[in-house]
């Protein structure tokens, strides 16, 4: 409601007065003098001087990376600069995105992290949204989620001096378990029953696991089912202006190397495909985008129990 002004330690009455007179951001306060603001708002000059001091403190604390994101209100950042750079400043709303990699590369970690970062308040450049976590393989871990919450809370306390309500953070991540492609299709058809009003993110961990469960289906049938699922997700992302992010496995093709599962019919519904692997001649994890079958520059990152970290 109050935008950046909500960061200031003052009453709602004073915040409303500031907004009414056009002082929306911290920079609006900093580019005016206390006497001028006091005259316009009828707030005492002593109070205005205190607010300006607070604004200076927050401007100095503001992580320049998040400041850059404030102009982008249609993406979900991961808070790992290298991965966000690969993603083009974050995961764009309105599309279906894929995170591809072998086991242990960090797919689930990224999915859990963006379930937190989608909640970044609007006054800090975020979406102030919530998420739905769809678990297909039964490996969802509450303890792992809580570790990431701790890292998320520490980030904002350190960089912004803001204490995150951890219980509210957990409540904004809804969870549902599906065990087959038919259950997933049914869920997508009735998605309104599962989404909160301000849901900005659906994650599926993992889409690749469903292929394993379709043991009796032919390759042609599998491709048709996955394309149908992909089109439903694409329609959902566009109509509700949210992001759908799925984890997928790598398959190995003789003579063609590593490829994401499901082939061209599946890839046609994707807005982006993020590949996670190990950098050549190194033990470091790396991330790159796959576009038109070609990979872009590799950027490295690391995984800790409480989140993702840059190495460069």
C-alpha atoms as a PDB file:
ATOM      1  CA  UNK A   1       0.000   0.000   0.000  1.00  0.00           C
ATOM      2  CA  UNK A   2       2.716   2.499   0.993  1.00  0.00           C
ATOM      3  CA  UNK A   3       5.471   1.321  -1.377  1.00  0.00           C
ATOM      4  CA  UNK A   4       8.996   2.187  -0.235  1.00  0.00           C
ATOM      5  CA  UNK A   5       7.597   4.638   2.304  1.00  0.00           C
ATOM      6  CA  UNK A   6       6.419   1.610   4.312  1.00  0.00           C
ATOM      7  CA  UNK A   7      10.063   0.975   5.233  1.00  0.00           C
ATOM      8  CA  UNK A   8      10.098   4.086   7.401  1.00  0.00           C
ATOM      9  CA  UNK A   9       9.502   3.802  11.143  1.00  0.00           C
ATOM     10  CA  UNK A  10       6.566   6.163  11.518  1.00  0.00           C
ATOM     11  CA  UNK A  11       2.781   6.151  11.803  1.00  0.00           C
ATOM     12  CA  UNK A  12       0.321   5.192   9.082  1.00  0.00           C
ATOM     13  CA  UNK A  13      -1.084   8.733   9.325  1.00  0.00           C
ATOM     14  CA  UNK A  14       2.259  10.296   8.394  1.00  0.00           C
ATOM     15  CA  UNK A  15       2.871   7.746   5.619  1.00  0.00           C
ATOM     16  CA  UNK A  16      -0.537   8.559   4.146  1.00  0.00           C
ATOM     17  CA  UNK A  17       0.252  12.283   4.263  1.00  0.00           C
ATOM     18  CA  UNK A  18       3.541  11.728   2.443  1.00  0.00           C
ATOM     19  CA  UNK A  19       1.848   9.673  -0.269  1.00  0.00           C
ATOM     20  CA  UNK A  20      -0.932  12.233  -0.660  1.00  0.00           C
ATOM     21  CA  UNK A  21       1.679  14.884  -1.456  1.00  0.00           C
ATOM     22  CA  UNK A  22       3.609  12.752  -3.919  1.00  0.00           C
ATOM     23  CA  UNK A  23       6.401  11.390  -1.720  1.00  0.00           C
ATOM     24  CA  UNK A  24       6.209   7.759  -2.871  1.00  0.00           C
ATOM     25  CA  UNK A  25       9.811   6.551  -2.876  1.00  0.00           C
ATOM     26  CA  UNK A  26      12.790   7.096  -0.589  1.00  0.00           C
ATOM     27  CA  UNK A  27      14.450   9.150  -3.312  1.00  0.00           C
ATOM     28  CA  UNK A  28      11.437  11.509  -3.312  1.00  0.00           C
ATOM     29  CA  UNK A  29      12.292  12.375   0.291  1.00  0.00           C
ATOM     30  CA  UNK A  30      16.029  12.625  -0.318  1.00  0.00           C
ATOM     31  CA  UNK A  31      15.803  15.041  -3.238  1.00  0.00           C
ATOM     32  CA  UNK A  32      13.790  17.560  -1.188  1.00  0.00           C
ATOM     33  CA  UNK A  33      14.794  19.487   1.947  1.00  0.00           C
ATOM     34  CA  UNK A  34      13.033  19.098   5.272  1.00  0.00           C
ATOM     35  CA  UNK A  35      11.589  22.600   5.309  1.00  0.00           C
ATOM     36  CA  UNK A  36       9.996  22.171   1.897  1.00  0.00           C
ATOM     37  CA  UNK A  37       8.492  18.778   2.764  1.00  0.00           C
ATOM     38  CA  UNK A  38       7.235  20.084   6.100  1.00  0.00           C
ATOM     39  CA  UNK A  39       5.548  23.020   4.399  1.00  0.00           C
ATOM     40  CA  UNK A  40       3.818  20.798   1.850  1.00  0.00           C
ATOM     41  CA  UNK A  41       2.717  18.015   4.186  1.00  0.00           C
ATOM     42  CA  UNK A  42       2.117  19.954   7.429  1.00  0.00           C
ATOM     43  CA  UNK A  43       4.360  17.434   9.220  1.00  0.00           C
ATOM     44  CA  UNK A  44       6.794  18.957  11.696  1.00  0.00           C
ATOM     45  CA  UNK A  45      10.279  19.632  10.349  1.00  0.00           C
ATOM     46  CA  UNK A  46      11.807  17.625  13.214  1.00  0.00           C
ATOM     47  CA  UNK A  47       9.821  14.565  12.159  1.00  0.00           C
ATOM     48  CA  UNK A  48      10.741  15.103   8.505  1.00  0.00           C
ATOM     49  CA  UNK A  49      14.441  15.325   9.358  1.00  0.00           C
ATOM     50  CA  UNK A  50      14.169  11.993  11.179  1.00  0.00           C
ATOM     51  CA  UNK A  51      12.444  10.423   8.171  1.00  0.00           C
ATOM     52  CA  UNK A  52      15.144  11.740   5.830  1.00  0.00           C
ATOM     53  CA  UNK A  53      17.820  10.210   8.078  1.00  0.00           C
ATOM     54  CA  UNK A  54      15.986   6.874   7.915  1.00  0.00           C
ATOM     55  CA  UNK A  55      15.726   7.178   4.130  1.00  0.00           C
ATOM     56  CA  UNK A  56      19.497   7.734   3.883  1.00  0.00           C
ATOM     57  CA  UNK A  57      20.125   4.619   5.993  1.00  0.00           C
ATOM     58  CA  UNK A  58      17.867   2.458   3.834  1.00  0.00           C
ATOM     59  CA  UNK A  59      19.326   3.790   0.581  1.00  0.00           C
ATOM     60  CA  UNK A  60      22.795   2.869   1.831  1.00  0.00           C
ATOM     61  CA  UNK A  61      21.591  -0.574   2.910  1.00  0.00           C
ATOM     62  CA  UNK A  62      19.723  -1.359  -0.275  1.00  0.00           C
ATOM     63  CA  UNK A  63      21.430  -4.122  -2.177  1.00  0.00           C
ATOM     64  CA  UNK A  64      22.234  -2.614  -5.591  1.00  0.00           C
ATOM     65  CA  UNK A  65      21.229  -5.896  -7.209  1.00  0.00           C
ATOM     66  CA  UNK A  66      17.674  -5.717  -5.852  1.00  0.00           C
ATOM     67  CA  UNK A  67      17.535  -2.003  -6.653  1.00  0.00           C
ATOM     68  CA  UNK A  68      18.180  -2.886 -10.288  1.00  0.00           C
ATOM     69  CA  UNK A  69      15.277  -5.360 -10.181  1.00  0.00           C
ATOM     70  CA  UNK A  70      12.800  -2.738  -8.994  1.00  0.00           C
ATOM     71  CA  UNK A  71      12.098  -1.624 -12.551  1.00  0.00           C
ATOM     72  CA  UNK A  72      11.203  -5.221 -13.465  1.00  0.00           C
ATOM     73  CA  UNK A  73       7.873  -6.270 -11.992  1.00  0.00           C
ATOM     74  CA  UNK A  74       7.194  -9.266 -14.207  1.00  0.00           C
ATOM     75  CA  UNK A  75      10.017 -11.555 -13.055  1.00  0.00           C
ATOM     76  CA  UNK A  76      10.886 -13.728 -10.092  1.00  0.00           C
ATOM     77  CA  UNK A  77      14.513 -13.412  -8.994  1.00  0.00           C
ATOM     78  CA  UNK A  78      16.417 -16.228  -7.304  1.00  0.00           C
ATOM     79  CA  UNK A  79      18.781 -13.901  -5.340  1.00  0.00           C
ATOM     80  CA  UNK A  80      21.670 -15.768  -6.968  1.00  0.00           C
ATOM     81  CA  UNK A  81      23.030 -13.108  -9.319  1.00  0.00           C
ATOM     82  CA  UNK A  82      24.653 -15.502 -11.759  1.00  0.00           C
ATOM     83  CA  UNK A  83      21.532 -17.603 -12.209  1.00  0.00           C
ATOM     84  CA  UNK A  84      19.367 -14.486 -12.540  1.00  0.00           C
ATOM     85  CA  UNK A  85      21.790 -13.147 -15.154  1.00  0.00           C
ATOM     86  CA  UNK A  86      21.463 -16.376 -17.136  1.00  0.00           C
ATOM     87  CA  UNK A  87      17.657 -16.101 -16.826  1.00  0.00           C
ATOM     88  CA  UNK A  88      17.637 -12.523 -18.123  1.00  0.00           C
ATOM     89  CA  UNK A  89      17.070 -10.861 -14.722  1.00  0.00           C
ATOM     90  CA  UNK A  90      14.810 -13.582 -13.417  1.00  0.00           C
ATOM     91  CA  UNK A  91      11.948 -15.907 -14.333  1.00  0.00           C
ATOM     92  CA  UNK A  92       9.351 -14.084 -16.393  1.00  0.00           C
ATOM     93  CA  UNK A  93       5.656 -14.315 -15.544  1.00  0.00           C
ATOM     94  CA  UNK A  94       3.273 -15.551 -18.212  1.00  0.00           C
ATOM     95  CA  UNK A  95       5.366 -18.508 -19.355  1.00  0.00           C
ATOM     96  CA  UNK A  96       6.398 -22.100 -18.715  1.00  0.00           C
ATOM     97  CA  UNK A  97      10.036 -22.535 -17.705  1.00  0.00           C
ATOM     98  CA  UNK A  98      12.137 -25.644 -17.325  1.00  0.00           C
ATOM     99  CA  UNK A  99      15.110 -26.367 -15.052  1.00  0.00           C
ATOM    100  CA  UNK A 100      17.100 -29.275 -16.430  1.00  0.00           C
ATOM    101  CA  UNK A 101      19.886 -31.300 -14.851  1.00  0.00           C
ATOM    102  CA  UNK A 102      21.100 -34.563 -13.421  1.00  0.00           C
ATOM    103  CA  UNK A 103      20.238 -35.457  -9.792  1.00  0.00           C
ATOM    104  CA  UNK A 104      22.051 -33.290  -7.236  1.00  0.00           C
ATOM    105  CA  UNK A 105      22.539 -30.275  -9.516  1.00  0.00           C
ATOM    106  CA  UNK A 106      20.182 -28.004  -7.569  1.00  0.00           C
ATOM    107  CA  UNK A 107      16.835 -28.195  -9.373  1.00  0.00           C
ATOM    108  CA  UNK A 108      14.775 -28.669  -6.210  1.00  0.00           C
ATOM    109  CA  UNK A 109      16.843 -26.047  -4.395  1.00  0.00           C
ATOM    110  CA  UNK A 110      16.008 -23.441  -7.025  1.00  0.00           C
ATOM    111  CA  UNK A 111      12.310 -24.378  -6.989  1.00  0.00           C
ATOM    112  CA  UNK A 112      12.151 -24.012  -3.209  1.00  0.00           C
ATOM    113  CA  UNK A 113      14.096 -20.748  -3.318  1.00  0.00           C
ATOM    114  CA  UNK A 114      11.803 -19.084  -5.857  1.00  0.00           C
ATOM    115  CA  UNK A 115       8.822 -20.118  -3.707  1.00  0.00           C
ATOM    116  CA  UNK A 116      10.374 -17.699  -1.209  1.00  0.00           C
ATOM    117  CA  UNK A 117      11.562 -14.922  -3.528  1.00  0.00           C
ATOM    118  CA  UNK A 118       8.170 -14.648  -5.237  1.00  0.00           C
ATOM    119  CA  UNK A 119       7.070 -13.270  -1.848  1.00  0.00           C
ATOM    120  CA  UNK A 120       9.489 -10.307  -1.872  1.00  0.00           C
ATOM    121  CA  UNK A 121       7.373  -7.234  -1.004  1.00  0.00           C
ATOM    122  CA  UNK A 122       6.407  -4.842  -3.777  1.00  0.00           C
ATOM    123  CA  UNK A 123       8.168  -1.963  -2.018  1.00  0.00           C
ATOM    124  CA  UNK A 124      11.432  -3.874  -2.444  1.00  0.00           C
ATOM    125  CA  UNK A 125      10.795  -4.539  -6.117  1.00  0.00           C
ATOM    126  CA  UNK A 126       9.135  -7.930  -5.659  1.00  0.00           C
ATOM    127  CA  UNK A 127       5.792  -9.459  -6.578  1.00  0.00           C
ATOM    128  CA  UNK A 128       4.403 -10.000  -3.063  1.00  0.00           C
ATOM    129  CA  UNK A 129       2.949 -13.277  -4.325  1.00  0.00           C
ATOM    130  CA  UNK A 130       2.529 -16.829  -3.117  1.00  0.00           C
ATOM    131  CA  UNK A 131       3.158 -20.197  -4.733  1.00  0.00           C
ATOM    132  CA  UNK A 132       1.857 -23.727  -5.269  1.00  0.00           C
ATOM    133  CA  UNK A 133       4.385 -26.569  -5.000  1.00  0.00           C
ATOM    134  CA  UNK A 134       3.325 -29.709  -6.910  1.00  0.00           C
ATOM    135  CA  UNK A 135       5.317 -32.755  -5.821  1.00  0.00           C
ATOM    136  CA  UNK A 136       5.332 -35.759  -8.163  1.00  0.00           C
ATOM    137  CA  UNK A 137       8.087 -37.928  -6.701  1.00  0.00           C
ATOM    138  CA  UNK A 138       7.331 -37.638  -2.970  1.00  0.00           C
ATOM    139  CA  UNK A 139      10.743 -36.209  -2.071  1.00  0.00           C
ATOM    140  CA  UNK A 140       9.507 -32.851  -0.780  1.00  0.00           C
ATOM    141  CA  UNK A 141      11.317 -32.048   2.491  1.00  0.00           C
ATOM    142  CA  UNK A 142       9.869 -29.686   5.098  1.00  0.00           C
ATOM    143  CA  UNK A 143      13.240 -29.462   6.864  1.00  0.00           C
ATOM    144  CA  UNK A 144      14.960 -28.464   3.635  1.00  0.00           C
ATOM    145  CA  UNK A 145      12.319 -25.820   3.012  1.00  0.00           C
ATOM    146  CA  UNK A 146      12.826 -24.394   6.501  1.00  0.00           C
ATOM    147  CA  UNK A 147      16.586 -24.170   5.968  1.00  0.00           C
ATOM    148  CA  UNK A 148      15.987 -22.091   2.852  1.00  0.00           C
ATOM    149  CA  UNK A 149      13.550 -19.921   4.816  1.00  0.00           C
ATOM    150  CA  UNK A 150      16.323 -19.248   7.330  1.00  0.00           C
ATOM    151  CA  UNK A 151      18.670 -18.177   4.539  1.00  0.00           C
ATOM    152  CA  UNK A 152      15.971 -16.003   2.958  1.00  0.00           C
ATOM    153  CA  UNK A 153      15.227 -14.307   6.276  1.00  0.00           C
ATOM    154  CA  UNK A 154      18.954 -13.750   6.950  1.00  0.00           C
ATOM    155  CA  UNK A 155      19.378 -12.100   3.542  1.00  0.00           C
ATOM    156  CA  UNK A 156      16.708  -9.497   4.233  1.00  0.00           C
ATOM    157  CA  UNK A 157      17.806  -8.839   7.793  1.00  0.00           C
ATOM    158  CA  UNK A 158      21.391  -8.289   6.630  1.00  0.00           C
ATOM    159  CA  UNK A 159      20.642  -6.204   3.534  1.00  0.00           C
ATOM    160  CA  UNK A 160      17.485  -4.364   4.536  1.00  0.00           C
ATOM    161  CA  UNK A 161      17.234  -4.580   8.303  1.00  0.00           C
ATOM    162  CA  UNK A 162      13.827  -6.212   7.817  1.00  0.00           C
ATOM    163  CA  UNK A 163      12.654  -9.214   9.823  1.00  0.00           C
ATOM    164  CA  UNK A 164      10.779 -11.760   7.726  1.00  0.00           C
ATOM    165  CA  UNK A 165       7.744 -13.460   9.261  1.00  0.00           C
ATOM    166  CA  UNK A 166       8.838 -17.079   8.774  1.00  0.00           C
ATOM    167  CA  UNK A 167       5.471 -18.612   9.620  1.00  0.00           C
ATOM    168  CA  UNK A 168       3.733 -16.391   7.059  1.00  0.00           C
ATOM    169  CA  UNK A 169       6.417 -17.306   4.533  1.00  0.00           C
ATOM    170  CA  UNK A 170       5.639 -21.018   4.984  1.00  0.00           C
ATOM    171  CA  UNK A 171       1.892 -20.376   4.795  1.00  0.00           C
ATOM    172  CA  UNK A 172       2.391 -18.694   1.409  1.00  0.00           C
ATOM    173  CA  UNK A 173       3.785 -21.935  -0.031  1.00  0.00           C
ATOM    174  CA  UNK A 174       0.923 -24.355  -0.686  1.00  0.00           C
ATOM    175  CA  UNK A 175       1.720 -28.011  -1.315  1.00  0.00           C
ATOM    176  CA  UNK A 176      -0.052 -30.754  -3.249  1.00  0.00           C
ATOM    177  CA  UNK A 177       1.070 -34.280  -4.125  1.00  0.00           C
ATOM    178  CA  UNK A 178       0.267 -35.973  -7.451  1.00  0.00           C
ATOM    179  CA  UNK A 179       1.388 -39.442  -8.490  1.00  0.00           C
ATOM    180  CA  UNK A 180       0.439 -39.682 -12.184  1.00  0.00           C
ATOM    181  CA  UNK A 181       0.049 -37.620 -15.317  1.00  0.00           C
ATOM    182  CA  UNK A 182      -3.745 -38.057 -15.070  1.00  0.00           C
ATOM    183  CA  UNK A 183      -3.768 -36.598 -11.560  1.00  0.00           C
ATOM    184  CA  UNK A 184      -1.704 -33.666 -12.807  1.00  0.00           C
ATOM    185  CA  UNK A 185      -4.106 -33.062 -15.707  1.00  0.00           C
ATOM    186  CA  UNK A 186      -7.063 -33.188 -13.293  1.00  0.00           C
ATOM    187  CA  UNK A 187      -5.322 -30.721 -10.979  1.00  0.00           C
ATOM    188  CA  UNK A 188      -4.591 -28.327 -13.842  1.00  0.00           C
ATOM    189  CA  UNK A 189      -8.229 -28.539 -14.983  1.00  0.00           C
ATOM    190  CA  UNK A 190      -9.380 -27.595 -11.464  1.00  0.00           C
ATOM    191  CA  UNK A 191      -6.507 -25.283 -10.576  1.00  0.00           C
ATOM    192  CA  UNK A 192      -8.772 -22.546  -9.176  1.00  0.00           C
ATOM    193  CA  UNK A 193      -9.411 -24.767  -6.141  1.00  0.00           C
ATOM    194  CA  UNK A 194      -5.715 -24.813  -5.300  1.00  0.00           C
ATOM    195  CA  UNK A 195      -4.520 -21.265  -6.011  1.00  0.00           C
ATOM    196  CA  UNK A 196      -4.612 -18.326  -3.633  1.00  0.00           C
ATOM    197  CA  UNK A 197      -5.731 -15.020  -5.097  1.00  0.00           C
ATOM    198  CA  UNK A 198      -2.204 -13.606  -5.378  1.00  0.00           C
ATOM    199  CA  UNK A 199      -0.491 -16.775  -6.617  1.00  0.00           C
ATOM    200  CA  UNK A 200       2.351 -15.857  -8.976  1.00  0.00           C
ATOM    201  CA  UNK A 201       4.175 -19.168  -9.185  1.00  0.00           C
ATOM    202  CA  UNK A 202       3.475 -22.873  -9.722  1.00  0.00           C
ATOM    203  CA  UNK A 203       6.378 -25.292  -9.489  1.00  0.00           C
ATOM    204  CA  UNK A 204       6.356 -28.979 -10.451  1.00  0.00           C
ATOM    205  CA  UNK A 205       9.047 -31.213  -8.997  1.00  0.00           C
ATOM    206  CA  UNK A 206       9.487 -33.003 -11.226  1.00  0.00           C
ATOM    207  CA  UNK A 207       7.833 -33.249 -14.626  1.00  0.00           C
ATOM    208  CA  UNK A 208      10.413 -35.872 -15.568  1.00  0.00           C
ATOM    209  CA  UNK A 209       9.221 -38.253 -12.872  1.00  0.00           C
ATOM    210  CA  UNK A 210       5.849 -38.577 -14.612  1.00  0.00           C
ATOM    211  CA  UNK A 211       7.515 -40.168 -17.628  1.00  0.00           C
ATOM    212  CA  UNK A 212       8.850 -42.921 -15.393  1.00  0.00           C
ATOM    213  CA  UNK A 213       5.293 -43.629 -14.232  1.00  0.00           C
ATOM    214  CA  UNK A 214       3.973 -43.971 -17.814  1.00  0.00           C
ATOM    215  CA  UNK A 215       5.553 -47.391 -18.239  1.00  0.00           C
ATOM    216  CA  UNK A 216       2.879 -48.922 -20.470  1.00  0.00           C
ATOM    217  CA  UNK A 217       2.537 -45.942 -22.832  1.00  0.00           C
ATOM    218  CA  UNK A 218       4.313 -45.815 -26.193  1.00  0.00           C
ATOM    219  CA  UNK A 219       6.713 -42.980 -26.999  1.00  0.00           C
ATOM    220  CA  UNK A 220       4.063 -41.402 -29.227  1.00  0.00           C
ATOM    221  CA  UNK A 221       1.467 -41.568 -26.434  1.00  0.00           C
ATOM    222  CA  UNK A 222       3.947 -40.097 -23.949  1.00  0.00           C
ATOM    223  CA  UNK A 223       4.728 -37.218 -26.293  1.00  0.00           C
ATOM    224  CA  UNK A 224       1.016 -36.470 -26.773  1.00  0.00           C
ATOM    225  CA  UNK A 225       0.326 -36.530 -23.024  1.00  0.00           C
ATOM    226  CA  UNK A 226       3.281 -34.275 -22.205  1.00  0.00           C
ATOM    227  CA  UNK A 227       2.342 -31.832 -24.967  1.00  0.00           C
ATOM    228  CA  UNK A 228      -1.202 -31.720 -23.594  1.00  0.00           C
ATOM    229  CA  UNK A 229       0.150 -31.030 -20.094  1.00  0.00           C
ATOM    230  CA  UNK A 230       2.507 -28.382 -21.469  1.00  0.00           C
ATOM    231  CA  UNK A 231      -0.262 -26.570 -23.363  1.00  0.00           C
ATOM    232  CA  UNK A 232      -2.461 -26.540 -20.247  1.00  0.00           C
ATOM    233  CA  UNK A 233       0.402 -25.047 -18.233  1.00  0.00           C
ATOM    234  CA  UNK A 234       1.067 -22.494 -20.961  1.00  0.00           C
ATOM    235  CA  UNK A 235      -2.587 -21.428 -21.007  1.00  0.00           C
ATOM    236  CA  UNK A 236      -2.600 -21.227 -17.209  1.00  0.00           C
ATOM    237  CA  UNK A 237       0.564 -19.094 -17.099  1.00  0.00           C
ATOM    238  CA  UNK A 238      -0.791 -16.660 -19.682  1.00  0.00           C
ATOM    239  CA  UNK A 239      -4.344 -16.371 -18.373  1.00  0.00           C
ATOM    240  CA  UNK A 240      -3.341 -15.915 -14.723  1.00  0.00           C
ATOM    241  CA  UNK A 241      -0.125 -13.970 -15.361  1.00  0.00           C
ATOM    242  CA  UNK A 242       2.016 -16.317 -13.306  1.00  0.00           C
ATOM    243  CA  UNK A 243       5.098 -18.434 -13.913  1.00  0.00           C
ATOM    244  CA  UNK A 244       5.061 -22.213 -14.162  1.00  0.00           C
ATOM    245  CA  UNK A 245       8.493 -23.690 -13.427  1.00  0.00           C
ATOM    246  CA  UNK A 246       9.181 -27.404 -13.779  1.00  0.00           C
ATOM    247  CA  UNK A 247      12.160 -29.600 -12.989  1.00  0.00           C
ATOM    248  CA  UNK A 248      13.143 -32.009 -15.748  1.00  0.00           C
ATOM    249  CA  UNK A 249      15.690 -34.759 -16.174  1.00  0.00           C
ATOM    250  CA  UNK A 250      18.523 -35.163 -18.658  1.00  0.00           C
ATOM    251  CA  UNK A 251      18.516 -38.031 -21.124  1.00  0.00           C
ATOM    252  CA  UNK A 252      21.520 -39.280 -23.086  1.00  0.00           C
ATOM    253  CA  UNK A 253      21.251 -39.847 -26.841  1.00  0.00           C
ATOM    254  CA  UNK A 254      23.945 -41.637 -28.750  1.00  0.00           C
ATOM    255  CA  UNK A 255      25.683 -39.212 -31.060  1.00  0.00           C
ATOM    256  CA  UNK A 256      23.645 -36.244 -29.772  1.00  0.00           C
ATOM    257  CA  UNK A 257      24.830 -36.016 -26.181  1.00  0.00           C
ATOM    258  CA  UNK A 258      22.629 -34.783 -23.323  1.00  0.00           C
ATOM    259  CA  UNK A 259      19.104 -33.524 -23.973  1.00  0.00           C
ATOM    260  CA  UNK A 260      16.118 -32.621 -21.761  1.00  0.00           C
ATOM    261  CA  UNK A 261      13.368 -35.254 -21.725  1.00  0.00           C
ATOM    262  CA  UNK A 262      10.285 -35.181 -23.980  1.00  0.00           C
ATOM    263  CA  UNK A 263      11.823 -33.725 -27.159  1.00  0.00           C
ATOM    264  CA  UNK A 264      10.721 -30.950 -29.519  1.00  0.00           C
ATOM    265  CA  UNK A 265       6.955 -31.181 -28.938  1.00  0.00           C
ATOM    266  CA  UNK A 266       7.532 -30.464 -25.246  1.00  0.00           C
ATOM    267  CA  UNK A 267      10.153 -27.770 -25.790  1.00  0.00           C
ATOM    268  CA  UNK A 268       7.778 -25.855 -28.064  1.00  0.00           C
ATOM    269  CA  UNK A 269       5.635 -24.849 -25.061  1.00  0.00           C
ATOM    270  CA  UNK A 270       8.600 -23.572 -23.009  1.00  0.00           C
ATOM    271  CA  UNK A 271       9.573 -19.932 -22.577  1.00  0.00           C
ATOM    272  CA  UNK A 272      13.036 -20.902 -21.306  1.00  0.00           C
ATOM    273  CA  UNK A 273      15.145 -23.922 -20.453  1.00  0.00           C
ATOM    274  CA  UNK A 274      17.810 -23.522 -17.754  1.00  0.00           C
ATOM    275  CA  UNK A 275      20.501 -26.200 -17.801  1.00  0.00           C
ATOM    276  CA  UNK A 276      22.410 -27.052 -14.620  1.00  0.00           C
ATOM    277  CA  UNK A 277      25.608 -29.068 -14.786  1.00  0.00           C
ATOM    278  CA  UNK A 278      29.284 -29.220 -13.869  1.00  0.00           C
ATOM    279  CA  UNK A 279      31.700 -26.811 -15.538  1.00  0.00           C
ATOM    280  CA  UNK A 280      34.283 -28.470 -17.793  1.00  0.00           C
ATOM    281  CA  UNK A 281      37.601 -29.229 -16.061  1.00  0.00           C
ATOM    282  CA  UNK A 282      36.042 -28.148 -12.763  1.00  0.00           C
ATOM    283  CA  UNK A 283      33.920 -29.461  -9.917  1.00  0.00           C
ATOM    284  CA  UNK A 284      31.834 -26.280  -9.807  1.00  0.00           C
ATOM    285  CA  UNK A 285      28.137 -26.225 -10.617  1.00  0.00           C
ATOM    286  CA  UNK A 286      27.221 -24.048 -13.566  1.00  0.00           C
ATOM    287  CA  UNK A 287      24.070 -22.713 -15.197  1.00  0.00           C
ATOM    288  CA  UNK A 288      23.332 -21.821 -18.801  1.00  0.00           C
ATOM    289  CA  UNK A 289      20.338 -21.267 -21.061  1.00  0.00           C
ATOM    290  CA  UNK A 290      19.506 -23.650 -23.879  1.00  0.00           C
ATOM    291  CA  UNK A 291      18.199 -21.783 -26.944  1.00  0.00           C
ATOM    292  CA  UNK A 292      17.698 -23.392 -30.325  1.00  0.00           C
ATOM    293  CA  UNK A 293      19.751 -26.350 -29.192  1.00  0.00           C
ATOM    294  CA  UNK A 294      22.720 -24.094 -28.389  1.00  0.00           C
ATOM    295  CA  UNK A 295      24.047 -23.187 -24.965  1.00  0.00           C
ATOM    296  CA  UNK A 296      24.966 -19.668 -23.888  1.00  0.00           C
ATOM    297  CA  UNK A 297      27.779 -18.605 -21.523  1.00  0.00           C
ATOM    298  CA  UNK A 298      28.216 -20.716 -18.398  1.00  0.00           C
ATOM    299  CA  UNK A 299      28.020 -18.999 -15.008  1.00  0.00           C
ATOM    300  CA  UNK A 300      28.934 -20.795 -11.809  1.00  0.00           C
ATOM    301  CA  UNK A 301      27.031 -21.063  -8.540  1.00  0.00           C
ATOM    302  CA  UNK A 302      27.069 -23.095  -5.358  1.00  0.00           C
ATOM    303  CA  UNK A 303      24.436 -24.724  -3.150  1.00  0.00           C
ATOM    304  CA  UNK A 304      24.336 -24.430   0.627  1.00  0.00           C
ATOM    305  CA  UNK A 305      21.669 -25.812   2.910  1.00  0.00           C
ATOM    306  CA  UNK A 306      20.123 -22.328   3.199  1.00  0.00           C
ATOM    307  CA  UNK A 307      20.163 -21.319  -0.455  1.00  0.00           C
ATOM    308  CA  UNK A 308      22.072 -20.579  -3.656  1.00  0.00           C
ATOM    309  CA  UNK A 309      25.300 -18.602  -3.810  1.00  0.00           C
ATOM    310  CA  UNK A 310      27.454 -17.042  -6.523  1.00  0.00           C
ATOM    311  CA  UNK A 311      31.042 -18.187  -7.054  1.00  0.00           C
ATOM    312  CA  UNK A 312      32.248 -15.583  -9.578  1.00  0.00           C
END
